[in-house]
Amino acid sequence: MLALAPDASSRRGAQLLASGRSWPLTGAADGSALWGECLGSAATPYRTVVDLTGPAYRCSCPSRKFPCKHALALMLLWSDGATGAHGDPPDWAASWIAGRAAGTSDTEGPKPPTDPAAALRRAQQREARVASGLAELDRWLCDQVRQGLAVSQRSGYRHWDDIAARMVDAQAPGLAERLRALAAVPYSGPGWDGRLLEEYALLRLLATACREQAGLPPPLRDTVRSRVGFTVRQADVLASATTVRDHWHVLARRDLDQDRIRTRRFWLRGRCTGRTALVLSFAAVGQSLDDSLAVGTATDADLAFYPGAIPLRALVAARHDTFPGGPPPGSTVAELLAGYAMALGGDPWLDTWPAVLAATPARAPLPCLYDAAGEALPLHPGAGDCWPLFALSGGRPLTVAGEWTPRGLWPLTAWDQGEMAVPL
């Protein structure tokens, strides 16, 4: 239970609250849900509910941590058998538990909204907020160019965080993420000004494309909206997409921490179709990510792809079998760059592209991979020294899978001479 805590202070607070004195009311429902009222600084007790099948949590306290110390303490009480007798939950807990059950038991695809008029009104309000945010972003970008790029070089993180926060308020989280990433540009290194100007140009292009989305082809319109931050429900993807069945090589896995959300990226490639797929998993801090796809294996599965100009992201709609995969066929540097260039023609904001190379690592003049034709790709500076890759190679060619970015290749998996996959 304590492993779910977002930080050490939440763990300490939960342990202090895990006593019967702080909880005048507790209850449990057959090991599937917990509820309780916890005495605190407010005049009324904090009402806490936990769905153990998720797990998922709800609490009336003002804490922004997830789960809060009250939810953690309630689970600690339950693990000690101190949540009282099983019985019917109070109304405030029963309504939330019922809502959770209705949402998680829907196996027949998406259902129409209970109030279509209200749903349409909310959608129109969001479109208006996004349009307002795009207009403000446009003015901000013009100001940056008018003032000169040197102003950005001298600015701190708040320079980017303020405009990113405005995009969050405008319900455009995709734009906010790209703006916050600008703070990581190495402003003291060579070529920083050109890179920053490229990012400004891509942001301006995205804002313009979103304003003119009515005239775009449907696949490109879907891409633009996803880059701005509009999401598509998984149920809608499964209901509308034509699934692709293949033996999918699980090429690589990468975990990223963004704010309070952890993201796991699986890269897959179809043995027969040659298609590449990106399967994402999300979890709050302290919760576990999907671990059902093992790097180095192959899975016989049906994938449903999200709509877009370059459909990469996919959902595993059905899985039939899993077996040893072996190394996938590696491409040359020229083939990789040609594929990336073609993808950029459909999605100019694509900054990560799957790579599978048959190449040899080298350390001079810079860490890189070179293929049989002598063409080389630099390794991403953030990937570090990559000693496991060089040790595995021993100067011999390898099959290497990773992510190609404008700053270089980030190696994630290599296959040794015995054709065993080794995460890097």
Protein backbone atom coordinates (compact mmCIF):
# COMPACT_ATOMS: atom_id res chain seq x y z
CA MET A 1 0.00 0.00 0.00
CA LEU A 2 2.78 2.42 0.90
CA ALA A 3 4.36 1.86 -2.51
CA LEU A 4 1.42 3.77 -4.02
CA ALA A 5 2.35 6.94 -2.09
CA PRO A 6 3.43 9.85 -4.32
CA ASP A 7 6.15 10.95 -1.87
CA ALA A 8 7.70 10.29 1.54
CA SER A 9 5.57 12.88 3.37
CA SER A 10 2.38 11.16 2.17
CA ARG A 11 3.67 7.85 3.52
CA ARG A 12 4.44 9.37 6.92
CA GLY A 13 1.07 11.13 7.07
CA ALA A 14 -0.78 7.93 6.15
CA GLN A 15 0.99 5.94 8.84
CA LEU A 16 0.06 8.54 11.45
CA LEU A 17 -3.59 8.46 10.35
CA ALA A 18 -3.83 4.67 10.22
CA SER A 19 -5.50 4.37 13.61
CA GLY A 20 -9.10 3.88 14.65
CA ARG A 21 -9.08 7.17 16.56
CA SER A 22 -8.95 9.23 13.35
CA TRP A 23 -11.73 7.29 11.59
CA PRO A 24 -15.20 7.43 13.17
CA LEU A 25 -16.60 5.60 10.13
CA THR A 26 -15.00 2.93 7.94
CA GLY A 27 -16.33 0.10 5.82
CA ALA A 28 -15.44 -2.36 3.09
CA ALA A 29 -17.34 -4.15 0.34
CA ASP A 30 -16.08 -7.70 -0.22
CA GLY A 31 -12.51 -6.58 -0.87
CA SER A 32 -13.50 -4.44 -3.86
CA ALA A 33 -14.08 -1.01 -2.29
CA LEU A 34 -13.35 0.89 0.92
CA TRP A 35 -14.88 4.02 2.40
CA GLY A 36 -14.41 6.09 5.49
CA GLU A 37 -14.65 9.46 7.20
CA CYS A 38 -11.43 10.86 8.64
CA LEU A 39 -11.22 13.63 11.25
CA GLY A 40 -9.11 16.55 10.12
CA SER A 41 -8.72 20.30 10.48
CA ALA A 42 -12.05 21.00 8.77
CA ALA A 43 -15.33 21.12 10.65
CA THR A 44 -16.65 18.09 8.77
CA PRO A 45 -14.70 14.84 8.34
CA TYR A 46 -12.96 14.13 5.05
CA ARG A 47 -14.85 11.52 3.03
CA THR A 48 -12.59 8.98 1.34
CA VAL A 49 -13.45 6.16 -1.08
CA VAL A 50 -11.08 3.61 -2.63
CA ASP A 51 -11.82 1.26 -5.51
CA LEU A 52 -9.41 -1.63 -4.92
CA THR A 53 -9.93 -3.09 -8.40
CA GLY A 54 -8.22 -0.06 -9.98
CA PRO A 55 -6.92 1.05 -7.68
CA ALA A 56 -8.70 4.40 -7.85
CA TYR A 57 -9.33 7.00 -5.16
CA ARG A 58 -11.58 9.89 -4.24
CA CYS A 59 -11.30 12.16 -1.20
CA SER A 60 -12.95 15.43 -0.17
CA CYS A 61 -9.69 16.81 1.26
CA PRO A 62 -7.97 19.70 -0.58
CA SER A 63 -4.73 17.78 -1.21
CA ARG A 64 -3.50 17.68 -4.81
CA LYS A 65 -1.50 14.51 -4.21
CA PHE A 66 -2.75 11.28 -5.71
CA PRO A 67 -3.47 9.17 -3.74
CA CYS A 68 -3.72 11.47 -0.73
CA LYS A 69 -2.68 10.42 2.78
CA HIS A 70 -6.32 9.71 3.72
CA ALA A 71 -6.72 7.15 0.91
CA LEU A 72 -3.40 5.56 1.84
CA ALA A 73 -4.36 5.43 5.53
CA LEU A 74 -7.70 3.83 4.69
CA MET A 75 -5.94 1.10 2.70
CA LEU A 76 -3.52 0.53 5.58
CA LEU A 77 -6.47 0.08 7.92
CA TRP A 78 -8.02 -2.39 5.51
CA SER A 79 -4.76 -4.37 5.20
CA ASP A 80 -4.74 -4.67 9.01
CA GLY A 81 -8.37 -5.82 9.05
CA ALA A 82 -9.50 -2.67 10.86
CA THR A 83 -12.06 -1.23 8.44
CA GLY A 84 -15.07 -2.65 10.23
CA ALA A 85 -17.70 -5.12 9.10
CA HIS A 86 -18.77 -5.49 5.49
CA GLY A 87 -22.00 -3.78 4.62
CA ASP A 88 -23.72 -1.25 2.40
CA PRO A 89 -21.74 1.96 1.80
CA PRO A 90 -23.28 5.37 2.58
CA ASP A 91 -24.86 7.27 -0.31
CA TRP A 92 -21.84 9.52 -0.95
CA ALA A 93 -19.61 6.46 -1.38
CA ALA A 94 -22.17 4.25 -3.14
CA SER A 95 -22.73 6.75 -5.96
CA TRP A 96 -19.02 6.96 -6.76
CA ILE A 97 -18.53 3.19 -6.55
CA ALA A 98 -21.50 2.66 -8.87
CA GLY A 99 -20.14 5.19 -11.34
CA ARG A 100 -16.78 3.42 -11.36
CA ALA A 101 -18.45 0.06 -11.94
CA ALA A 102 -20.50 1.43 -14.82
CA GLY A 103 -17.43 2.94 -16.45
CA THR A 104 -15.19 -0.13 -16.14
CA SER A 105 -17.78 -2.74 -17.07
CA ASP A 106 -18.58 -1.25 -20.48
CA THR A 107 -17.44 -3.94 -22.91
CA GLU A 108 -19.83 -3.15 -25.74
CA GLY A 109 -17.99 -0.11 -27.09
CA PRO A 110 -18.75 3.60 -26.68
CA LYS A 111 -22.19 4.72 -25.61
CA PRO A 112 -23.81 8.00 -26.62
CA PRO A 113 -23.65 10.79 -24.03
CA THR A 114 -26.62 10.97 -21.67
CA ASP A 115 -27.17 14.60 -22.69
CA PRO A 116 -26.04 15.21 -26.31
CA ALA A 117 -26.87 18.90 -26.10
CA ALA A 118 -24.68 19.36 -23.02
CA ALA A 119 -21.84 17.39 -24.64
CA LEU A 120 -22.06 19.55 -27.76
CA ARG A 121 -22.03 22.70 -25.64
CA ARG A 122 -18.92 21.55 -23.77
CA ALA A 123 -17.17 20.72 -27.04
CA GLN A 124 -17.98 24.16 -28.46
CA GLN A 125 -16.73 25.85 -25.30
CA ARG A 126 -13.43 23.97 -25.55
CA GLU A 127 -13.03 24.91 -29.20
CA ALA A 128 -13.51 28.56 -28.24
CA ARG A 129 -10.94 28.31 -25.42
CA VAL A 130 -8.41 26.66 -27.72
CA ALA A 131 -8.97 29.34 -30.38
CA SER A 132 -8.35 32.04 -27.78
CA GLY A 133 -5.19 30.27 -26.64
CA LEU A 134 -3.94 29.99 -30.24
CA ALA A 135 -4.41 33.72 -30.76
CA GLU A 136 -2.42 34.45 -27.61
CA LEU A 137 0.32 32.02 -28.62
CA ASP A 138 0.55 33.71 -32.01
CA ARG A 139 1.08 37.11 -30.38
CA TRP A 140 3.65 35.64 -28.00
CA LEU A 141 5.64 34.06 -30.84
CA CYS A 142 5.64 37.34 -32.77
CA ASP A 143 6.93 39.11 -29.65
CA GLN A 144 9.79 36.59 -29.28
CA VAL A 145 10.97 37.15 -32.83
CA ARG A 146 10.53 40.92 -32.59
CA GLN A 147 12.55 41.14 -29.36
CA GLY A 148 15.29 38.85 -30.66
CA LEU A 149 16.32 35.34 -29.69
CA ALA A 150 18.94 36.61 -27.25
CA VAL A 151 16.12 37.53 -24.84
CA SER A 152 15.20 33.83 -24.60
CA GLN A 153 18.84 32.94 -23.94
CA ARG A 154 18.84 35.17 -20.83
CA SER A 155 15.40 34.10 -19.59
CA GLY A 156 14.72 31.58 -16.87
CA TYR A 157 12.29 28.68 -16.79
CA ARG A 158 9.38 30.95 -15.92
CA HIS A 159 9.66 32.55 -19.37
CA TRP A 160 8.33 29.28 -20.83
CA ASP A 161 6.21 28.15 -17.92
CA ASP A 162 3.95 31.22 -17.99
CA ILE A 163 2.89 30.79 -21.60
CA ALA A 164 2.66 27.00 -21.13
CA ALA A 165 0.31 27.52 -18.17
CA ARG A 166 -1.84 29.74 -20.39
CA MET A 167 -2.11 26.92 -22.93
CA VAL A 168 -3.19 24.55 -20.16
CA ASP A 169 -5.90 27.06 -19.22
CA ALA A 170 -6.92 27.12 -22.88
CA GLN A 171 -7.25 23.30 -22.81
CA ALA A 172 -4.37 22.83 -25.28
CA PRO A 173 -2.00 20.56 -23.29
CA GLY A 174 -0.08 19.47 -26.38
CA LEU A 175 1.05 23.04 -27.00
CA ALA A 176 1.94 23.44 -23.32
CA GLU A 177 4.18 20.37 -23.47
CA ARG A 178 6.08 21.67 -26.52
CA LEU A 179 6.55 25.08 -24.88
CA ARG A 180 7.91 23.61 -21.65
CA ALA A 181 10.36 21.54 -23.69
CA LEU A 182 11.92 24.78 -24.96
CA ALA A 183 13.43 25.32 -21.51
CA ALA A 184 15.69 22.30 -22.18
CA VAL A 185 17.31 23.83 -25.27
CA PRO A 186 21.08 24.08 -24.56
CA TYR A 187 21.29 27.87 -24.87
CA SER A 188 25.03 27.89 -24.27
CA GLY A 189 25.86 25.38 -26.99
CA PRO A 190 26.48 25.97 -30.69
CA GLY A 191 23.46 26.28 -32.95
CA TRP A 192 20.96 26.95 -30.15
CA ASP A 193 19.49 29.94 -32.00
CA GLY A 194 18.70 27.92 -35.12
CA ARG A 195 17.10 25.16 -33.09
CA LEU A 196 14.98 27.62 -31.11
CA LEU A 197 13.83 29.34 -34.28
CA GLU A 198 12.85 25.96 -35.74
CA GLU A 199 10.72 25.24 -32.67
CA TYR A 200 9.06 28.65 -32.93
CA ALA A 201 8.30 27.97 -36.60
CA LEU A 202 6.77 24.56 -35.81
CA LEU A 203 4.61 26.09 -33.08
CA ARG A 204 3.42 28.81 -35.47
CA LEU A 205 2.70 26.19 -38.13
CA LEU A 206 0.69 24.12 -35.64
CA ALA A 207 -1.33 27.14 -34.47
CA THR A 208 -2.07 28.14 -38.05
CA ALA A 209 -3.03 24.60 -39.06
CA CYS A 210 -5.41 24.32 -36.11
CA ARG A 211 -7.14 27.57 -37.04
CA GLU A 212 -7.50 26.36 -40.65
CA GLN A 213 -8.31 22.75 -39.80
CA ALA A 214 -11.63 22.81 -41.65
CA GLY A 215 -9.73 22.92 -44.95
CA LEU A 216 -7.26 20.14 -44.13
CA PRO A 217 -7.53 16.51 -45.28
CA PRO A 218 -9.11 14.39 -42.49
CA PRO A 219 -5.91 12.44 -41.59
CA LEU A 220 -3.88 15.66 -41.28
CA ARG A 221 -6.68 17.30 -39.31
CA ASP A 222 -6.61 14.39 -36.86
CA THR A 223 -2.85 14.81 -36.48
CA VAL A 224 -3.12 18.56 -35.87
CA ARG A 225 -5.81 18.13 -33.23
CA SER A 226 -3.83 15.42 -31.43
CA ARG A 227 -0.72 17.64 -31.40
CA VAL A 228 -2.74 20.49 -29.89
CA GLY A 229 -4.09 18.19 -27.18
CA PHE A 230 -7.47 16.85 -28.33
CA THR A 231 -7.74 13.19 -27.36
CA VAL A 232 -9.61 10.24 -28.84
CA ARG A 233 -11.19 7.72 -26.50
CA GLN A 234 -9.82 4.20 -26.63
CA ALA A 235 -13.34 2.84 -27.03
CA ASP A 236 -13.83 5.03 -30.12
CA VAL A 237 -10.56 3.79 -31.64
CA LEU A 238 -11.49 0.15 -31.04
CA ALA A 239 -14.96 0.72 -32.47
CA SER A 240 -13.95 2.60 -35.64
CA ALA A 241 -10.47 1.40 -36.61
CA THR A 242 -9.78 -1.58 -38.87
CA THR A 243 -7.47 -3.86 -36.90
CA VAL A 244 -4.19 -5.11 -38.34
CA ARG A 245 -3.15 -8.64 -37.40
CA ASP A 246 0.50 -9.57 -37.60
CA HIS A 247 3.37 -11.12 -35.67
CA TRP A 248 4.61 -7.96 -33.95
CA HIS A 249 8.24 -7.76 -32.86
CA VAL A 250 8.50 -5.90 -29.52
CA LEU A 251 11.52 -3.80 -30.45
CA ALA A 252 12.08 -1.49 -27.50
CA ARG A 253 10.66 0.07 -24.37
CA ARG A 254 11.25 3.49 -22.85
CA ASP A 255 9.85 5.00 -19.63
CA LEU A 256 9.43 8.76 -19.21
CA ASP A 257 8.36 10.90 -16.25
CA GLN A 258 6.30 13.98 -17.10
CA ASP A 259 4.99 16.06 -14.21
CA ARG A 260 3.05 13.52 -12.09
CA ILE A 261 2.40 11.08 -14.94
CA ARG A 262 4.65 8.23 -15.97
CA THR A 263 4.60 7.11 -19.60
CA ARG A 264 5.84 3.83 -21.06
CA ARG A 265 6.45 3.59 -24.79
CA PHE A 266 6.56 0.22 -26.57
CA TRP A 267 7.78 0.16 -30.17
CA LEU A 268 6.50 -2.74 -32.31
CA ARG A 269 7.09 -3.77 -35.91
CA GLY A 270 5.00 -6.20 -37.93
CA ARG A 271 6.90 -9.15 -39.39
CA CYS A 272 4.69 -9.43 -42.48
CA THR A 273 3.28 -5.93 -42.94
CA GLY A 274 6.45 -4.04 -41.97
CA ARG A 275 4.29 -1.50 -40.13
CA THR A 276 5.57 0.20 -37.00
CA ALA A 277 3.34 0.75 -33.97
CA LEU A 278 3.66 2.74 -30.77
CA VAL A 279 1.76 1.37 -27.76
CA LEU A 280 1.54 3.77 -24.81
CA SER A 281 0.84 3.09 -21.14
CA PHE A 282 0.19 5.79 -18.52
CA ALA A 283 0.20 5.69 -14.72
CA ALA A 284 0.27 8.10 -11.83
CA VAL A 285 3.41 8.23 -9.70
CA GLY A 286 3.53 5.14 -7.50
CA GLN A 287 1.28 3.07 -9.75
CA SER A 288 2.48 0.30 -12.05
CA LEU A 289 2.73 0.58 -15.83
CA ASP A 290 1.71 -2.04 -18.35
CA ASP A 291 4.35 -4.77 -18.53
CA SER A 292 2.57 -7.24 -20.77
CA LEU A 293 4.85 -6.70 -23.80
CA ALA A 294 8.32 -8.16 -23.27
CA VAL A 295 11.14 -6.69 -25.34
CA GLY A 296 12.70 -9.31 -27.62
CA THR A 297 9.53 -11.36 -28.03
CA ALA A 298 6.97 -11.40 -30.82
CA THR A 299 3.23 -11.40 -30.27
CA ASP A 300 0.48 -12.53 -32.60
CA ALA A 301 -1.97 -9.67 -32.07
CA ASP A 302 -4.59 -7.41 -33.62
CA LEU A 303 -3.69 -3.71 -33.37
CA ALA A 304 -6.10 -0.81 -33.79
CA PHE A 305 -4.36 2.39 -34.92
CA TYR A 306 -5.31 5.91 -33.89
CA PRO A 307 -6.29 8.17 -36.82
CA GLY A 308 -3.62 10.47 -38.22
CA ALA A 309 -1.54 11.40 -41.24
CA ILE A 310 1.19 8.99 -40.08
CA PRO A 311 -0.64 6.39 -37.97
CA LEU A 312 1.83 5.22 -35.34
CA ARG A 313 0.04 5.02 -32.03
CA ALA A 314 -2.00 1.85 -31.59
CA LEU A 315 -4.00 -0.20 -29.12
CA VAL A 316 -3.71 -3.95 -28.66
CA ALA A 317 -7.24 -5.03 -29.53
CA ALA A 318 -6.65 -8.77 -29.18
CA ARG A 319 -3.68 -10.98 -28.41
CA HIS A 320 -3.46 -14.56 -29.65
CA ASP A 321 0.01 -15.87 -28.82
CA THR A 322 3.52 -14.83 -27.74
CA PHE A 323 6.77 -16.50 -28.78
CA PRO A 324 10.52 -15.74 -29.04
CA GLY A 325 11.06 -13.01 -31.58
CA GLY A 326 14.73 -13.04 -32.52
CA PRO A 327 16.40 -9.95 -33.98
CA PRO A 328 14.32 -8.02 -36.53
CA PRO A 329 15.86 -7.13 -39.89
CA GLY A 330 17.98 -3.99 -39.56
CA SER A 331 17.96 -1.17 -42.08
CA THR A 332 20.77 1.04 -43.33
CA VAL A 333 21.25 4.65 -42.28
CA ALA A 334 20.03 5.86 -45.68
CA GLU A 335 16.84 3.78 -45.41
CA LEU A 336 16.14 5.07 -41.90
CA LEU A 337 16.57 8.73 -42.89
CA ALA A 338 14.48 8.26 -46.03
CA GLY A 339 11.63 6.81 -43.96
CA TYR A 340 11.87 9.64 -41.45
CA ALA A 341 11.85 12.25 -44.22
CA MET A 342 8.73 10.71 -45.75
CA ALA A 343 7.02 10.68 -42.34
CA LEU A 344 7.89 14.36 -41.79
CA GLY A 345 6.09 15.15 -45.03
CA GLY A 346 2.87 13.94 -43.43
CA ASP A 347 3.50 15.10 -39.86
CA PRO A 348 5.99 18.03 -39.63
CA TRP A 349 5.83 17.93 -35.80
CA LEU A 350 7.07 14.34 -35.60
CA ASP A 351 10.20 14.47 -33.42
CA THR A 352 10.59 10.75 -32.58
CA TRP A 353 10.85 7.97 -35.14
CA PRO A 354 11.48 4.24 -34.54
CA ALA A 355 14.83 2.98 -35.74
CA VAL A 356 16.18 -0.54 -36.32
CA LEU A 357 19.74 -0.51 -37.65
CA ALA A 358 22.29 -3.14 -38.60
CA ALA A 359 25.33 -1.15 -37.51
CA THR A 360 28.56 -1.04 -35.52
CA PRO A 361 29.07 1.34 -32.56
CA ALA A 362 32.04 3.70 -32.68
CA ARG A 363 33.29 6.32 -30.21
CA ALA A 364 35.31 8.64 -32.47
CA PRO A 365 35.07 11.44 -33.30
CA LEU A 366 31.69 11.33 -31.50
CA PRO A 367 29.65 8.32 -30.27
CA CYS A 368 27.80 7.00 -33.32
CA LEU A 369 26.59 3.96 -35.23
CA TYR A 370 27.84 3.27 -38.75
CA ASP A 371 26.44 0.75 -41.21
CA ALA A 372 28.10 -1.47 -43.82
CA ALA A 373 28.12 1.39 -46.34
CA GLY A 374 30.08 3.60 -43.93
CA GLU A 375 27.18 5.98 -43.25
CA ALA A 376 26.98 7.07 -39.59
CA LEU A 377 24.33 8.40 -37.20
CA PRO A 378 25.29 10.24 -33.98
CA LEU A 379 24.00 8.96 -30.65
CA HIS A 380 21.74 11.27 -28.66
CA PRO A 381 23.71 13.30 -26.06
CA GLY A 382 21.17 12.40 -23.38
CA ALA A 383 21.79 8.68 -23.85
CA GLY A 384 25.07 8.95 -21.93
CA ASP A 385 28.19 6.92 -22.64
CA CYS A 386 26.23 3.83 -23.77
CA TRP A 387 28.93 1.52 -22.43
CA PRO A 388 26.63 -1.53 -22.48
CA LEU A 389 26.17 -1.04 -26.23
CA PHE A 390 29.92 -0.85 -26.90
CA ALA A 391 30.66 -3.75 -24.57
CA LEU A 392 28.01 -5.90 -26.26
CA SER A 393 29.39 -5.10 -29.70
CA GLY A 394 33.10 -5.60 -29.07
CA GLY A 395 33.69 -3.91 -32.43
CA ARG A 396 31.30 -6.23 -34.29
CA PRO A 397 28.03 -5.28 -36.05
CA LEU A 398 24.79 -5.48 -34.06
CA THR A 399 21.09 -5.06 -34.61
CA VAL A 400 20.13 -1.97 -32.60
CA ALA A 401 16.62 -0.62 -32.00
CA GLY A 402 15.87 2.82 -30.61
CA GLU A 403 14.38 6.23 -31.26
CA TRP A 404 15.72 8.59 -33.91
CA THR A 405 15.37 12.29 -33.04
CA PRO A 406 16.77 15.48 -34.59
CA ARG A 407 19.50 15.39 -31.91
CA GLY A 408 20.58 11.83 -32.61
CA LEU A 409 19.72 8.18 -32.04
CA TRP A 410 18.66 7.04 -28.57
CA PRO A 411 19.55 3.31 -28.44
CA LEU A 412 17.15 1.19 -26.38
CA THR A 413 17.72 -2.46 -27.35
CA ALA A 414 20.53 -4.46 -28.95
CA TRP A 415 20.69 -8.10 -30.01
CA ASP A 416 23.93 -9.90 -29.14
CA GLN A 417 25.69 -12.55 -31.20
CA GLY A 418 23.42 -15.19 -29.66
CA GLU A 419 20.35 -13.27 -30.94
CA MET A 420 19.26 -12.38 -27.41
CA ALA A 421 17.65 -8.97 -26.83
CA VAL A 422 19.51 -6.81 -24.29
CA PRO A 423 17.81 -3.61 -23.01
CA LEU A 424 20.28 -0.71 -22.90
